[in-house]
PDB file of N, CA and C in Angstrom:
ATOM      1  N   UNK A   1      76.518  27.321  96.982  1.00  0.00           N
ATOM      2  CA  UNK A   1      77.504  27.162  95.931  1.00  0.00           C
ATOM      3  C   UNK A   1      76.770  27.150  94.588  1.00  0.00           C
ATOM      4  N   UNK A   2      77.339  27.833  93.621  1.00  0.00           N
ATOM      5  CA  UNK A   2      76.683  27.904  92.315  1.00  0.00           C
ATOM      6  C   UNK A   2      76.928  26.628  91.522  1.00  0.00           C
ATOM      7  N   UNK A   3      76.034  26.385  90.589  1.00  0.00           N
ATOM      8  CA  UNK A   3      76.132  25.196  89.748  1.00  0.00           C
ATOM      9  C   UNK A   3      77.151  25.422  88.634  1.00  0.00           C
ATOM     10  N   UNK A   4      77.742  24.342  88.192  1.00  0.00           N
ATOM     11  CA  UNK A   4      78.719  24.399  87.094  1.00  0.00           C
ATOM     12  C   UNK A   4      78.082  24.986  85.833  1.00  0.00           C
ATOM     13  N   UNK A   5      76.822  24.651  85.587  1.00  0.00           N
ATOM     14  CA  UNK A   5      76.138  25.176  84.396  1.00  0.00           C
ATOM     15  C   UNK A   5      75.956  26.695  84.472  1.00  0.00           C
ATOM     16  N   UNK A   6      75.732  27.221  85.693  1.00  0.00           N
ATOM     17  CA  UNK A   6      75.639  28.676  85.858  1.00  0.00           C
ATOM     18  C   UNK A   6      76.976  29.333  85.541  1.00  0.00           C
ATOM     19  N   UNK A   7      78.049  28.733  86.030  1.00  0.00           N
ATOM     20  CA  UNK A   7      79.382  29.274  85.786  1.00  0.00           C
ATOM     21  C   UNK A   7      79.702  29.289  84.295  1.00  0.00           C
ATOM     22  N   UNK A   8      79.385  28.210  83.610  1.00  0.00           N
ATOM     23  CA  UNK A   8      79.619  28.147  82.161  1.00  0.00           C
ATOM     24  C   UNK A   8      78.804  29.207  81.432  1.00  0.00           C
ATOM     25  N   UNK A   9      77.559  29.394  81.859  1.00  0.00           N
ATOM     26  CA  UNK A   9      76.701  30.412  81.249  1.00  0.00           C
ATOM     27  C   UNK A   9      77.287  31.808  81.459  1.00  0.00           C
ATOM     28  N   UNK A  10      77.726  32.104  82.695  1.00  0.00           N
ATOM     29  CA  UNK A  10      78.322  33.414  82.985  1.00  0.00           C
ATOM     30  C   UNK A  10      79.530  33.664  82.092  1.00  0.00           C
ATOM     31  N   UNK A  11      80.410  32.661  82.004  1.00  0.00           N
ATOM     32  CA  UNK A  11      81.622  32.813  81.197  1.00  0.00           C
ATOM     33  C   UNK A  11      81.286  33.078  79.736  1.00  0.00           C
ATOM     34  N   UNK A  12      80.372  32.303  79.196  1.00  0.00           N
ATOM     35  CA  UNK A  12      79.997  32.450  77.787  1.00  0.00           C
ATOM     36  C   UNK A  12      79.395  33.832  77.524  1.00  0.00           C
ATOM     37  N   UNK A  13      78.487  34.253  78.386  1.00  0.00           N
ATOM     38  CA  UNK A  13      77.817  35.536  78.231  1.00  0.00           C
ATOM     39  C   UNK A  13      78.815  36.702  78.333  1.00  0.00           C
ATOM     40  N   UNK A  14      79.695  36.634  79.301  1.00  0.00           N
ATOM     41  CA  UNK A  14      80.634  37.732  79.551  1.00  0.00           C
ATOM     42  C   UNK A  14      81.746  37.759  78.508  1.00  0.00           C
ATOM     43  N   UNK A  15      82.189  36.599  78.045  1.00  0.00           N
ATOM     44  CA  UNK A  15      83.212  36.576  76.993  1.00  0.00           C
ATOM     45  C   UNK A  15      82.705  37.247  75.722  1.00  0.00           C
ATOM     46  N   UNK A  16      81.415  37.112  75.438  1.00  0.00           N
ATOM     47  CA  UNK A  16      80.833  37.794  74.275  1.00  0.00           C
ATOM     48  C   UNK A  16      80.800  39.303  74.486  1.00  0.00           C
ATOM     49  N   UNK A  17      80.496  39.710  75.710  1.00  0.00           N
ATOM     50  CA  UNK A  17      80.363  41.135  76.017  1.00  0.00           C
ATOM     51  C   UNK A  17      81.717  41.848  76.032  1.00  0.00           C
ATOM     52  N   UNK A  18      82.756  41.177  76.514  1.00  0.00           N
ATOM     53  CA  UNK A  18      84.091  41.766  76.627  1.00  0.00           C
ATOM     54  C   UNK A  18      85.078  40.901  75.843  1.00  0.00           C
ATOM     55  N   UNK A  19      84.940  40.912  74.537  1.00  0.00           N
ATOM     56  CA  UNK A  19      85.691  40.012  73.654  1.00  0.00           C
ATOM     57  C   UNK A  19      87.199  40.029  73.856  1.00  0.00           C
ATOM     58  N   UNK A  20      87.797  41.177  73.849  1.00  0.00           N
ATOM     59  CA  UNK A  20      89.263  41.265  73.840  1.00  0.00           C
ATOM     60  C   UNK A  20      89.838  41.780  75.150  1.00  0.00           C
ATOM     61  N   UNK A  21      89.147  41.545  76.246  1.00  0.00           N
ATOM     62  CA  UNK A  21      89.636  42.053  77.526  1.00  0.00           C
ATOM     63  C   UNK A  21      89.470  40.995  78.623  1.00  0.00           C
ATOM     64  N   UNK A  22      90.443  40.085  78.729  1.00  0.00           N
ATOM     65  CA  UNK A  22      90.335  39.011  79.718  1.00  0.00           C
ATOM     66  C   UNK A  22      90.267  39.514  81.162  1.00  0.00           C
ATOM     67  N   UNK A  23      90.896  40.644  81.448  1.00  0.00           N
ATOM     68  CA  UNK A  23      90.852  41.179  82.810  1.00  0.00           C
ATOM     69  C   UNK A  23      89.426  41.587  83.178  1.00  0.00           C
ATOM     70  N   UNK A  24      88.764  42.294  82.282  1.00  0.00           N
ATOM     71  CA  UNK A  24      87.369  42.673  82.530  1.00  0.00           C
ATOM     72  C   UNK A  24      86.468  41.448  82.592  1.00  0.00           C
ATOM     73  N   UNK A  25      86.764  40.454  81.789  1.00  0.00           N
ATOM     74  CA  UNK A  25      85.984  39.216  81.830  1.00  0.00           C
ATOM     75  C   UNK A  25      86.059  38.592  83.222  1.00  0.00           C
ATOM     76  N   UNK A  26      87.262  38.515  83.774  1.00  0.00           N
ATOM     77  CA  UNK A  26      87.438  37.907  85.089  1.00  0.00           C
ATOM     78  C   UNK A  26      86.706  38.686  86.170  1.00  0.00           C
ATOM     79  N   UNK A  27      86.783  40.008  86.100  1.00  0.00           N
ATOM     80  CA  UNK A  27      86.102  40.850  87.086  1.00  0.00           C
ATOM     81  C   UNK A  27      84.597  40.626  87.028  1.00  0.00           C
ATOM     82  N   UNK A  28      84.049  40.622  85.834  1.00  0.00           N
ATOM     83  CA  UNK A  28      82.604  40.478  85.697  1.00  0.00           C
ATOM     84  C   UNK A  28      82.131  39.063  86.017  1.00  0.00           C
ATOM     85  N   UNK A  29      82.935  38.070  85.722  1.00  0.00           N
ATOM     86  CA  UNK A  29      82.588  36.702  86.112  1.00  0.00           C
ATOM     87  C   UNK A  29      82.556  36.599  87.638  1.00  0.00           C
ATOM     88  N   UNK A  30      83.544  37.167  88.295  1.00  0.00           N
ATOM     89  CA  UNK A  30      83.578  37.156  89.761  1.00  0.00           C
ATOM     90  C   UNK A  30      82.360  37.867  90.336  1.00  0.00           C
ATOM     91  N   UNK A  31      81.994  38.994  89.752  1.00  0.00           N
ATOM     92  CA  UNK A  31      80.828  39.750  90.213  1.00  0.00           C
ATOM     93  C   UNK A  31      79.553  38.919  90.053  1.00  0.00           C
ATOM     94  N   UNK A  32      79.429  38.225  88.934  1.00  0.00           N
ATOM     95  CA  UNK A  32      78.256  37.376  88.695  1.00  0.00           C
ATOM     96  C   UNK A  32      78.196  36.220  89.705  1.00  0.00           C
ATOM     97  N   UNK A  33      79.346  35.633  89.997  1.00  0.00           N
ATOM     98  CA  UNK A  33      79.398  34.538  90.967  1.00  0.00           C
ATOM     99  C   UNK A  33      78.953  35.037  92.338  1.00  0.00           C
ATOM    100  N   UNK A  34      79.476  36.177  92.752  1.00  0.00           N
ATOM    101  CA  UNK A  34      79.102  36.742  94.050  1.00  0.00           C
ATOM    102  C   UNK A  34      77.613  37.060  94.088  1.00  0.00           C
ATOM    103  N   UNK A  35      77.097  37.634  93.014  1.00  0.00           N
ATOM    104  CA  UNK A  35      75.665  37.957  92.951  1.00  0.00           C
ATOM    105  C   UNK A  35      74.807  36.705  93.072  1.00  0.00           C
ATOM    106  N   UNK A  36      75.205  35.651  92.391  1.00  0.00           N
ATOM    107  CA  UNK A  36      74.446  34.397  92.431  1.00  0.00           C
ATOM    108  C   UNK A  36      74.508  33.772  93.819  1.00  0.00           C
ATOM    109  N   UNK A  37      75.687  33.777  94.440  1.00  0.00           N
ATOM    110  CA  UNK A  37      75.831  33.244  95.793  1.00  0.00           C
ATOM    111  C   UNK A  37      74.938  34.019  96.762  1.00  0.00           C
ATOM    112  N   UNK A  38      74.909  35.338  96.626  1.00  0.00           N
ATOM    113  CA  UNK A  38      74.060  36.173  97.476  1.00  0.00           C
ATOM    114  C   UNK A  38      72.593  35.819  97.273  1.00  0.00           C
ATOM    115  N   UNK A  39      72.200  35.691  96.027  1.00  0.00           N
ATOM    116  CA  UNK A  39      70.812  35.342  95.697  1.00  0.00           C
ATOM    117  C   UNK A  39      70.419  34.005  96.324  1.00  0.00           C
ATOM    118  N   UNK A  40      71.303  33.030  96.252  1.00  0.00           N
ATOM    119  CA  UNK A  40      71.021  31.711  96.817  1.00  0.00           C
ATOM    120  C   UNK A  40      70.845  31.758  98.336  1.00  0.00           C
ATOM    121  N   UNK A  41      71.489  32.733  98.980  1.00  0.00           N
ATOM    122  CA  UNK A  41      71.364  32.886 100.432  1.00  0.00           C
ATOM    123  C   UNK A  41      70.270  33.879 100.814  1.00  0.00           C
ATOM    124  N   UNK A  42      69.600  34.447  99.821  1.00  0.00           N
ATOM    125  CA  UNK A  42      68.532  35.403 100.098  1.00  0.00           C
ATOM    126  C   UNK A  42      69.038  36.756 100.558  1.00  0.00           C
ATOM    127  N   UNK A  43      70.248  37.109 100.125  1.00  0.00           N
ATOM    128  CA  UNK A  43      70.866  38.372 100.517  1.00  0.00           C
ATOM    129  C   UNK A  43      71.078  39.259  99.305  1.00  0.00           C
ATOM    130  N   UNK A  44      71.260  40.554  99.567  1.00  0.00           N
ATOM    131  CA  UNK A  44      71.675  41.449  98.495  1.00  0.00           C
ATOM    132  C   UNK A  44      73.175  41.275  98.299  1.00  0.00           C
ATOM    133  N   UNK A  45      73.675  41.829  97.215  1.00  0.00           N
ATOM    134  CA  UNK A  45      75.110  41.772  96.925  1.00  0.00           C
ATOM    135  C   UNK A  45      75.909  42.333  98.102  1.00  0.00           C
ATOM    136  N   UNK A  46      75.514  43.522  98.574  1.00  0.00           N
ATOM    137  CA  UNK A  46      76.239  44.193  99.667  1.00  0.00           C
ATOM    138  C   UNK A  46      76.131  43.398 100.966  1.00  0.00           C
ATOM    139  N   UNK A  47      74.956  42.885 101.277  1.00  0.00           N
ATOM    140  CA  UNK A  47      74.791  42.079 102.489  1.00  0.00           C
ATOM    141  C   UNK A  47      75.706  40.857 102.454  1.00  0.00           C
ATOM    142  N   UNK A  48      75.805  40.229 101.302  1.00  0.00           N
ATOM    143  CA  UNK A  48      76.657  39.046 101.152  1.00  0.00           C
ATOM    144  C   UNK A  48      78.126  39.406 101.364  1.00  0.00           C
ATOM    145  N   UNK A  49      78.567  40.507 100.767  1.00  0.00           N
ATOM    146  CA  UNK A  49      79.958  40.953 100.932  1.00  0.00           C
ATOM    147  C   UNK A  49      80.251  41.224 102.404  1.00  0.00           C
ATOM    148  N   UNK A  50      79.341  41.924 103.077  1.00  0.00           N
ATOM    149  CA  UNK A  50      79.532  42.225 104.501  1.00  0.00           C
ATOM    150  C   UNK A  50      79.600  40.945 105.329  1.00  0.00           C
ATOM    151  N   UNK A  51      78.748  39.976 105.002  1.00  0.00           N
ATOM    152  CA  UNK A  51      78.746  38.699 105.717  1.00  0.00           C
ATOM    153  C   UNK A  51      80.081  37.980 105.538  1.00  0.00           C
ATOM    154  N   UNK A  52      80.593  37.965 104.315  1.00  0.00           N
ATOM    155  CA  UNK A  52      81.875  37.315 104.048  1.00  0.00           C
ATOM    156  C   UNK A  52      83.015  38.034 104.764  1.00  0.00           C
ATOM    157  N   UNK A  53      82.966  39.360 104.789  1.00  0.00           N
ATOM    158  CA  UNK A  53      83.985  40.143 105.478  1.00  0.00           C
ATOM    159  C   UNK A  53      83.993  39.804 106.967  1.00  0.00           C
ATOM    160  N   UNK A  54      82.806  39.706 107.561  1.00  0.00           N
ATOM    161  CA  UNK A  54      82.717  39.378 108.986  1.00  0.00           C
ATOM    162  C   UNK A  54      83.289  37.989 109.267  1.00  0.00           C
ATOM    163  N   UNK A  55      83.033  37.032 108.373  1.00  0.00           N
ATOM    164  CA  UNK A  55      83.585  35.682 108.546  1.00  0.00           C
ATOM    165  C   UNK A  55      85.107  35.719 108.578  1.00  0.00           C
ATOM    166  N   UNK A  56      85.688  36.441 107.636  1.00  0.00           N
ATOM    167  CA  UNK A  56      87.148  36.532 107.552  1.00  0.00           C
ATOM    168  C   UNK A  56      87.698  37.267 108.769  1.00  0.00           C
ATOM    169  N   UNK A  57      87.050  38.350 109.133  1.00  0.00           N
ATOM    170  CA  UNK A  57      87.497  39.154 110.276  1.00  0.00           C
ATOM    171  C   UNK A  57      87.469  38.331 111.565  1.00  0.00           C
ATOM    172  N   UNK A  58      86.445  37.514 111.740  1.00  0.00           N
ATOM    173  CA  UNK A  58      86.318  36.705 112.953  1.00  0.00           C
ATOM    174  C   UNK A  58      87.317  35.553 113.004  1.00  0.00           C
ATOM    175  N   UNK A  59      87.917  35.201 111.884  1.00  0.00           N
ATOM    176  CA  UNK A  59      88.904  34.126 111.859  1.00  0.00           C
ATOM    177  C   UNK A  59      90.263  34.585 112.374  1.00  0.00           C
ATOM    178  N   UNK A  60      90.445  35.891 112.458  1.00  0.00           N
ATOM    179  CA  UNK A  60      91.754  36.410 112.883  1.00  0.00           C
ATOM    180  C   UNK A  60      91.715  36.963 114.253  1.00  0.00           C
TER     181      UNK A  60
END
């Protein structure tokens, strides 16, 4: 799980980059969160997505 300070940093950085586009801000914040979660688990972005997909698939 990412730290609150990381989340605040992502939001601040991305809000500056995409000033007038809240939709793009949300997409890029989500991407940053996923990237950080993957990094914390020692996985690439794609490996992390595949792992999460398998978890959801196995629940059904």
